[in-house]
N, C-alpha and C. Protein backbone atom coordinates (compact mmCIF):
# COMPACT_ATOMS: atom_id res chain seq x y z
N MET A 1 142.70 93.12 40.36
CA MET A 1 142.15 91.10 40.25
C MET A 1 141.07 90.98 39.35
N THR A 2 141.44 90.33 38.81
CA THR A 2 140.61 89.77 37.93
C THR A 2 139.60 89.15 37.50
N GLU A 3 138.47 89.45 37.52
CA GLU A 3 137.43 88.32 37.18
C GLU A 3 137.51 87.84 35.65
N THR A 4 137.25 86.11 36.56
CA THR A 4 136.80 85.53 35.36
C THR A 4 135.38 84.82 35.57
N THR A 5 134.80 84.24 33.85
CA THR A 5 133.51 83.79 34.28
C THR A 5 133.15 82.34 33.78
N PHE A 6 133.33 81.48 34.23
CA PHE A 6 133.22 79.85 33.75
C PHE A 6 131.69 80.35 33.46
N ASN A 7 132.09 79.43 31.43
CA ASN A 7 131.42 79.19 31.11
C ASN A 7 130.91 77.62 30.58
N PRO A 8 130.40 76.64 31.27
CA PRO A 8 129.92 75.22 30.97
C PRO A 8 130.27 75.17 29.93
N PRO A 9 131.16 73.55 29.27
CA PRO A 9 131.06 73.66 27.62
C PRO A 9 129.89 73.07 26.92
N THR A 10 129.48 73.47 25.99
CA THR A 10 128.83 72.80 25.65
C THR A 10 128.70 71.60 24.79
N PRO A 11 127.51 71.02 25.19
CA PRO A 11 127.82 69.61 24.72
C PRO A 11 127.93 68.82 23.53
N ALA A 12 128.81 68.62 22.65
CA ALA A 12 129.25 68.00 20.82
C ALA A 12 129.25 68.75 20.50
N ARG A 13 130.29 70.15 20.64
CA ARG A 13 130.53 71.10 20.21
C ARG A 13 131.23 69.93 19.12
N ALA A 14 131.52 71.06 17.70
CA ALA A 14 131.63 70.92 16.41
C ALA A 14 133.15 70.70 16.46
N SER A 15 134.47 71.54 17.39
CA SER A 15 135.56 71.35 17.70
C SER A 15 136.25 69.81 18.28
N ASP A 16 134.89 69.79 19.05
CA ASP A 16 135.12 68.40 20.58
C ASP A 16 135.17 67.33 19.52
N TRP A 17 134.07 67.39 18.84
CA TRP A 17 133.45 66.08 17.95
C TRP A 17 134.93 65.52 16.97
N LEU A 18 135.65 67.27 16.57
CA LEU A 18 136.56 66.91 15.26
C LEU A 18 138.21 66.42 16.04
N THR A 19 138.29 67.16 16.56
CA THR A 19 139.40 66.78 17.69
C THR A 19 139.37 64.65 18.49
N ARG A 20 137.96 64.62 18.53
CA ARG A 20 138.17 63.22 19.11
C ARG A 20 138.49 62.07 17.66
N TYR A 21 137.89 62.65 16.64
CA TYR A 21 137.86 62.18 14.93
C TYR A 21 138.78 61.61 14.70
N TYR A 22 139.92 62.86 14.61
CA TYR A 22 141.35 62.94 14.75
C TYR A 22 141.59 61.94 15.03
N PHE A 23 141.70 62.28 16.28
CA PHE A 23 142.55 61.34 17.68
C PHE A 23 142.19 60.03 17.28
N ALA A 24 141.00 59.91 17.01
CA ALA A 24 140.67 58.90 16.60
C ALA A 24 141.70 57.99 15.73
N ARG A 25 141.38 58.74 14.32
CA ARG A 25 141.73 57.92 13.02
C ARG A 25 143.57 57.76 13.41
N ALA A 26 143.93 58.49 14.12
CA ALA A 26 145.33 58.91 14.49
C ALA A 26 145.63 57.98 14.93
N THR A 27 145.44 57.24 16.15
CA THR A 27 145.66 55.96 16.90
C THR A 27 145.33 54.50 16.29
N PHE A 28 144.16 54.29 15.40
CA PHE A 28 144.05 53.61 14.90
C PHE A 28 144.95 53.30 13.86
N SER A 29 145.60 54.20 12.91
CA SER A 29 146.79 54.17 12.03
C SER A 29 147.67 54.04 12.41
N ILE A 30 148.12 54.47 13.73
CA ILE A 30 149.10 53.90 14.64
C ILE A 30 149.27 52.81 15.31
N LEU A 31 148.00 52.21 15.47
CA LEU A 31 147.99 50.12 15.97
C LEU A 31 148.34 49.56 14.52
N TRP A 32 147.05 50.16 13.54
CA TRP A 32 147.42 49.41 12.41
C TRP A 32 148.93 49.38 11.56
N VAL A 33 149.91 50.33 11.71
CA VAL A 33 150.95 50.08 11.40
C VAL A 33 151.96 49.30 11.97
N ALA A 34 151.70 48.96 14.00
CA ALA A 34 152.22 48.68 14.90
C ALA A 34 151.79 47.38 14.11
N ALA A 35 150.94 46.80 14.40
CA ALA A 35 150.54 45.33 14.15
C ALA A 35 151.20 45.60 12.37
N ALA A 36 150.95 46.25 11.71
CA ALA A 36 151.56 45.67 10.56
C ALA A 36 153.01 45.22 11.16
N VAL A 37 153.62 45.61 11.12
CA VAL A 37 154.91 46.02 11.16
C VAL A 37 155.64 44.33 12.41
N ALA A 38 154.64 44.10 13.43
CA ALA A 38 154.74 43.15 14.28
C ALA A 38 154.07 41.99 13.94
N VAL A 39 153.08 41.91 13.62
CA VAL A 39 152.87 40.70 13.51
C VAL A 39 152.84 40.09 11.70
N GLY A 40 152.02 41.40 10.70
CA GLY A 40 151.93 41.07 10.21
C GLY A 40 152.89 40.36 8.54
N THR A 41 154.08 41.20 9.22
CA THR A 41 155.62 39.94 9.16
C THR A 41 155.91 38.76 8.42
N GLN A 42 155.13 38.53 9.89
CA GLN A 42 155.21 36.83 10.20
C GLN A 42 154.00 35.70 9.43
N MET A 43 153.25 36.70 9.65
CA MET A 43 151.63 36.15 9.63
C MET A 43 151.04 36.44 8.32
N PRO A 44 151.12 35.96 6.60
CA PRO A 44 150.72 36.35 5.07
C PRO A 44 149.01 36.35 6.13
N VAL A 45 148.36 35.72 6.93
CA VAL A 45 146.72 36.07 6.55
C VAL A 45 146.59 36.91 7.66
N VAL A 46 147.38 37.41 8.56
CA VAL A 46 147.15 38.25 9.29
C VAL A 46 146.97 40.16 8.41
N ALA A 47 148.60 39.28 7.45
CA ALA A 47 148.88 40.75 6.73
C ALA A 47 147.84 40.74 5.48
N ALA A 48 146.74 40.14 5.21
CA ALA A 48 146.60 40.18 4.32
C ALA A 48 144.34 41.42 4.67
N VAL A 49 144.53 40.81 6.01
CA VAL A 49 143.40 41.37 6.59
C VAL A 49 143.36 43.00 7.02
N LEU A 50 145.19 42.50 7.20
CA LEU A 50 145.71 44.08 7.87
C LEU A 50 145.36 44.91 6.69
N LEU A 51 145.00 44.29 5.63
CA LEU A 51 145.25 45.16 3.69
C LEU A 51 143.88 45.62 3.42
N VAL A 52 143.02 44.57 3.92
CA VAL A 52 141.58 44.82 4.02
C VAL A 52 140.94 45.77 4.99
N VAL A 53 141.60 45.38 6.04
CA VAL A 53 140.94 46.63 6.93
C VAL A 53 141.40 47.87 6.76
N TYR A 54 142.14 48.70 6.61
CA TYR A 54 142.99 49.51 5.99
C TYR A 54 141.58 50.80 5.78
N PRO A 55 142.13 50.48 4.46
CA PRO A 55 140.53 51.10 2.97
C PRO A 55 139.38 50.83 3.85
N ALA A 56 138.93 49.73 4.33
CA ALA A 56 137.63 49.53 5.13
C ALA A 56 137.45 50.70 6.29
N TRP A 57 138.22 50.83 7.18
CA TRP A 57 137.93 52.01 8.31
C TRP A 57 138.18 53.03 7.75
N ASP A 58 138.89 53.73 6.55
CA ASP A 58 139.43 54.85 6.21
C ASP A 58 137.33 55.15 5.24
N ALA A 59 136.97 53.71 4.77
CA ALA A 59 136.01 54.47 4.37
C ALA A 59 134.37 54.55 5.34
N LEU A 60 134.59 53.51 6.53
CA LEU A 60 133.64 53.75 7.61
C LEU A 60 133.82 55.23 8.27
N ALA A 61 135.04 55.58 8.46
CA ALA A 61 135.47 56.74 9.51
C ALA A 61 135.14 58.01 8.35
N ASN A 62 135.35 58.12 7.11
CA ASN A 62 134.84 59.31 6.14
C ASN A 62 133.35 59.27 5.88
N LEU A 63 132.57 58.05 6.29
CA LEU A 63 130.68 58.45 5.84
C LEU A 63 130.70 59.57 7.13
N VAL A 64 131.72 58.64 8.15
CA VAL A 64 130.70 59.27 9.74
C VAL A 64 131.24 60.68 9.87
N ASP A 65 131.98 60.61 9.57
CA ASP A 65 132.52 62.42 9.59
C ASP A 65 132.21 63.34 8.21
N ALA A 66 131.06 62.43 6.96
CA ALA A 66 130.88 63.27 5.92
C ALA A 66 128.94 63.15 6.36
N ARG A 67 128.43 61.77 7.19
CA ARG A 67 127.26 62.44 8.39
C ARG A 67 127.11 63.13 9.28
N ARG A 68 127.87 63.21 9.65
CA ARG A 68 128.31 64.45 10.56
C ARG A 68 128.14 65.74 10.74
N HIS A 69 128.35 66.26 9.05
CA HIS A 69 128.88 67.24 8.37
C HIS A 69 127.51 67.68 7.18
N GLY A 70 126.87 67.23 7.36
CA GLY A 70 125.71 67.34 6.54
C GLY A 70 125.43 66.14 5.22
N GLY A 71 126.10 65.07 4.89
CA GLY A 71 125.83 63.57 4.55
C GLY A 71 126.67 63.73 2.93
N LEU A 72 127.46 62.72 2.74
CA LEU A 72 127.79 63.09 1.36
C LEU A 72 127.26 64.54 0.28
N ARG A 73 126.25 64.11 -0.16
CA ARG A 73 125.95 65.44 -1.13
C ARG A 73 126.33 66.29 -0.90
N LYS A 74 126.44 67.26 0.48
CA LYS A 74 127.36 68.17 0.86
C LYS A 74 128.63 68.00 0.58
N ASN A 75 129.70 67.33 0.64
CA ASN A 75 130.64 66.61 0.67
C ASN A 75 131.39 65.99 -0.49
N PHE A 76 131.72 66.72 -1.04
CA PHE A 76 132.10 65.80 -2.32
C PHE A 76 133.53 64.63 -2.13
N THR A 77 134.26 65.74 -1.53
CA THR A 77 135.53 65.11 -0.80
C THR A 77 135.75 64.08 -0.40
N ARG A 78 134.62 63.84 1.02
CA ARG A 78 134.37 62.61 1.45
C ARG A 78 133.77 61.01 1.08
N MET A 79 132.57 62.13 -0.03
CA MET A 79 131.87 60.85 -0.49
C MET A 79 132.74 59.72 -1.53
N LEU A 80 134.13 61.22 -2.39
CA LEU A 80 134.60 60.68 -3.23
C LEU A 80 136.20 60.04 -2.78
N ASN A 81 136.13 60.17 -1.04
CA ASN A 81 137.20 59.70 -0.54
C ASN A 81 136.15 58.17 0.24
N VAL A 82 135.04 57.98 0.66
CA VAL A 82 134.18 56.84 0.97
C VAL A 82 134.25 55.95 -0.31
N VAL A 83 134.47 56.30 -1.35
CA VAL A 83 134.22 55.26 -2.77
C VAL A 83 135.73 55.17 -2.84
N VAL A 84 136.24 55.80 -3.32
CA VAL A 84 137.91 55.61 -3.47
C VAL A 84 138.45 54.30 -2.34
N SER A 85 138.30 54.57 -0.51
CA SER A 85 138.35 53.38 -0.14
C SER A 85 137.84 52.44 -0.50
N GLY A 86 136.53 52.35 -0.92
CA GLY A 86 135.64 51.18 -0.98
C GLY A 86 136.17 50.76 -2.70
N VAL A 87 136.60 51.31 -3.50
CA VAL A 87 137.46 50.26 -4.63
C VAL A 87 138.50 50.55 -3.70
N ALA A 88 139.37 50.38 -3.05
CA ALA A 88 140.66 49.49 -2.65
C ALA A 88 140.39 48.67 -1.89
N THR A 89 138.99 48.46 -0.88
CA THR A 89 139.13 48.12 0.54
C THR A 89 138.48 46.29 -1.37
N ALA A 90 137.85 46.54 -1.99
CA ALA A 90 137.55 45.75 -2.66
C ALA A 90 138.10 45.16 -3.62
N ALA A 91 139.28 45.59 -3.98
CA ALA A 91 140.43 45.35 -5.30
C ALA A 91 141.79 44.70 -4.23
N VAL A 92 141.48 44.45 -3.31
CA VAL A 92 142.49 43.92 -2.18
C VAL A 92 141.86 42.96 -1.62
N ALA A 93 140.71 42.61 -1.28
CA ALA A 93 139.82 41.53 -1.09
C ALA A 93 138.92 40.71 -1.82
N THR A 94 138.93 40.62 -3.26
CA THR A 94 138.52 40.55 -4.12
C THR A 94 139.36 39.16 -4.09
N PRO A 95 141.37 39.78 -4.75
CA PRO A 95 142.11 38.42 -5.08
C PRO A 95 143.19 37.87 -3.80
N LEU A 96 142.70 38.33 -2.81
CA LEU A 96 142.60 37.54 -1.60
C LEU A 96 142.44 36.48 -1.92
N THR A 97 141.20 36.33 -2.11
CA THR A 97 140.48 34.88 -2.16
C THR A 97 140.95 33.75 -3.62
N ILE A 98 141.85 34.73 -4.05
CA ILE A 98 142.99 33.75 -5.11
C ILE A 98 144.44 33.43 -4.65
N ASN A 99 144.47 34.20 -3.93
CA ASN A 99 145.87 33.97 -3.21
C ASN A 99 146.76 34.73 -2.46
N VAL A 100 146.93 34.76 -1.49
CA VAL A 100 147.55 35.62 0.02
C VAL A 100 148.63 36.34 -0.94
N HIS A 101 149.84 34.81 -0.98
CA HIS A 101 151.46 35.37 -0.92
C HIS A 101 151.46 36.73 -1.88
N ALA A 102 150.37 36.10 -3.48
CA ALA A 102 150.83 36.59 -4.48
C ALA A 102 150.20 38.24 -4.13
N VAL A 103 149.08 38.54 -3.83
CA VAL A 103 148.44 39.86 -3.07
C VAL A 103 149.53 40.70 -2.66
N LEU A 104 150.18 40.29 -1.56
CA LEU A 104 151.08 40.59 -0.63
C LEU A 104 152.63 40.53 -1.05
N ALA A 105 152.50 40.54 -2.31
CA ALA A 105 154.43 40.19 -3.34
C ALA A 105 153.77 42.09 -4.58
N CYS A 106 152.31 41.30 -4.56
CA CYS A 106 151.86 42.74 -5.98
C CYS A 106 152.16 43.65 -4.47
N MET A 107 151.74 44.36 -3.44
CA MET A 107 151.50 45.05 -2.62
C MET A 107 152.67 45.51 -2.38
N ALA A 108 153.68 45.05 -2.30
CA ALA A 108 154.61 45.31 -1.60
C ALA A 108 156.04 45.89 -3.01
N HIS A 109 156.02 45.06 -3.90
CA HIS A 109 156.80 45.73 -5.08
C HIS A 109 155.85 46.42 -5.77
N GLY A 110 154.64 46.41 -6.31
CA GLY A 110 154.44 47.69 -7.09
C GLY A 110 154.54 46.79 -8.72
N ARG A 111 154.49 45.88 -9.01
CA ARG A 111 154.19 45.39 -9.51
C ARG A 111 153.44 44.00 -9.40
N CYS A 112 152.33 43.20 -10.01
CA CYS A 112 151.49 41.85 -10.25
C CYS A 112 152.62 40.70 -10.63
N SER A 113 152.17 39.35 -9.40
CA SER A 113 153.04 37.92 -9.72
C SER A 113 152.06 37.69 -11.60
N PRO A 114 152.39 36.37 -11.87
CA PRO A 114 152.05 36.11 -13.18
C PRO A 114 150.42 35.95 -12.98
N GLU A 115 150.23 35.15 -11.67
CA GLU A 115 148.98 34.89 -11.20
C GLU A 115 148.38 36.04 -11.60
N PHE A 116 148.28 37.26 -11.10
CA PHE A 116 147.49 38.37 -11.32
C PHE A 116 147.20 38.71 -12.71
N SER A 117 147.84 38.11 -13.99
CA SER A 117 148.06 39.23 -15.17
C SER A 117 146.34 39.29 -15.21
N SER A 118 145.16 39.00 -15.04
CA SER A 118 144.17 39.35 -15.53
C SER A 118 143.67 39.85 -14.88
N LEU A 119 144.03 40.53 -13.82
CA LEU A 119 143.79 41.38 -12.56
C LEU A 119 145.06 43.26 -13.37
N PRO A 120 145.30 43.66 -13.66
CA PRO A 120 146.10 44.63 -14.04
C PRO A 120 145.89 45.60 -12.42
N ARG A 121 144.49 45.99 -12.57
CA ARG A 121 144.40 46.88 -10.93
C ARG A 121 145.21 47.35 -10.04
N VAL A 122 145.44 45.64 -9.59
CA VAL A 122 145.74 45.32 -7.85
C VAL A 122 146.75 46.56 -8.08
N SER A 123 148.19 45.94 -8.68
CA SER A 123 148.83 46.84 -8.12
C SER A 123 148.57 48.57 -7.75
N ALA A 124 147.82 49.14 -8.71
CA ALA A 124 147.94 50.39 -8.43
C ALA A 124 146.88 50.53 -6.83
N VAL A 125 146.15 49.55 -6.27
CA VAL A 125 146.04 49.65 -4.81
C VAL A 125 146.90 50.03 -4.05
N GLY A 126 148.53 49.82 -4.24
CA GLY A 126 149.05 50.08 -2.98
C GLY A 126 149.91 52.20 -3.04
N ARG A 127 149.47 51.78 -4.55
CA ARG A 127 149.30 54.08 -4.84
C ARG A 127 147.56 54.27 -4.29
N CYS A 128 146.85 53.47 -4.43
CA CYS A 128 145.99 54.27 -3.43
C CYS A 128 145.21 54.36 -2.73
N MET A 129 146.31 53.81 -1.73
CA MET A 129 146.24 52.71 -0.31
C MET A 129 147.03 54.61 0.33
N ALA A 130 148.30 54.67 -0.08
CA ALA A 130 149.08 55.04 0.05
C ALA A 130 148.02 57.39 -0.19
N LEU A 131 147.38 57.29 -0.67
CA LEU A 131 147.33 58.10 -1.23
C LEU A 131 146.00 59.14 -0.40
N ASN A 132 145.42 57.90 -0.21
CA ASN A 132 143.84 58.20 0.75
C ASN A 132 144.07 58.31 2.78
N GLY A 133 145.83 57.92 2.78
CA GLY A 133 145.66 57.79 4.29
C GLY A 133 144.52 58.49 5.26
N PRO A 134 145.09 58.42 6.21
CA PRO A 134 144.19 59.16 7.46
C PRO A 134 143.83 61.12 7.22
């Protein structure tokens, strides 16, 4: 007969936190996609909010992860991800105050309508968000 020893789990183990962290990110992403498909196609304002929320969430999640692992100065890739997500959030949120439909068309087709000729970088936001996923 083999004898086993019970070792109680240590609180807040790094691997447990990392598992919860990635589970939370995956859950958020799945819910975001479901909302985008179910509601965002019918309601442009909701779609606009979703476009702002996702990169903002990504920035926040990476900030929390960086703080948990020694701060932004010790984690260059996390810091870069926070910056890129913050820029993506601002790049989507700023033109939304001008014309929601034009931003949505720009994100969907990868090119901007004439209203955004003065904002040529907006069309790159979709690519940034795709590269900056969970």
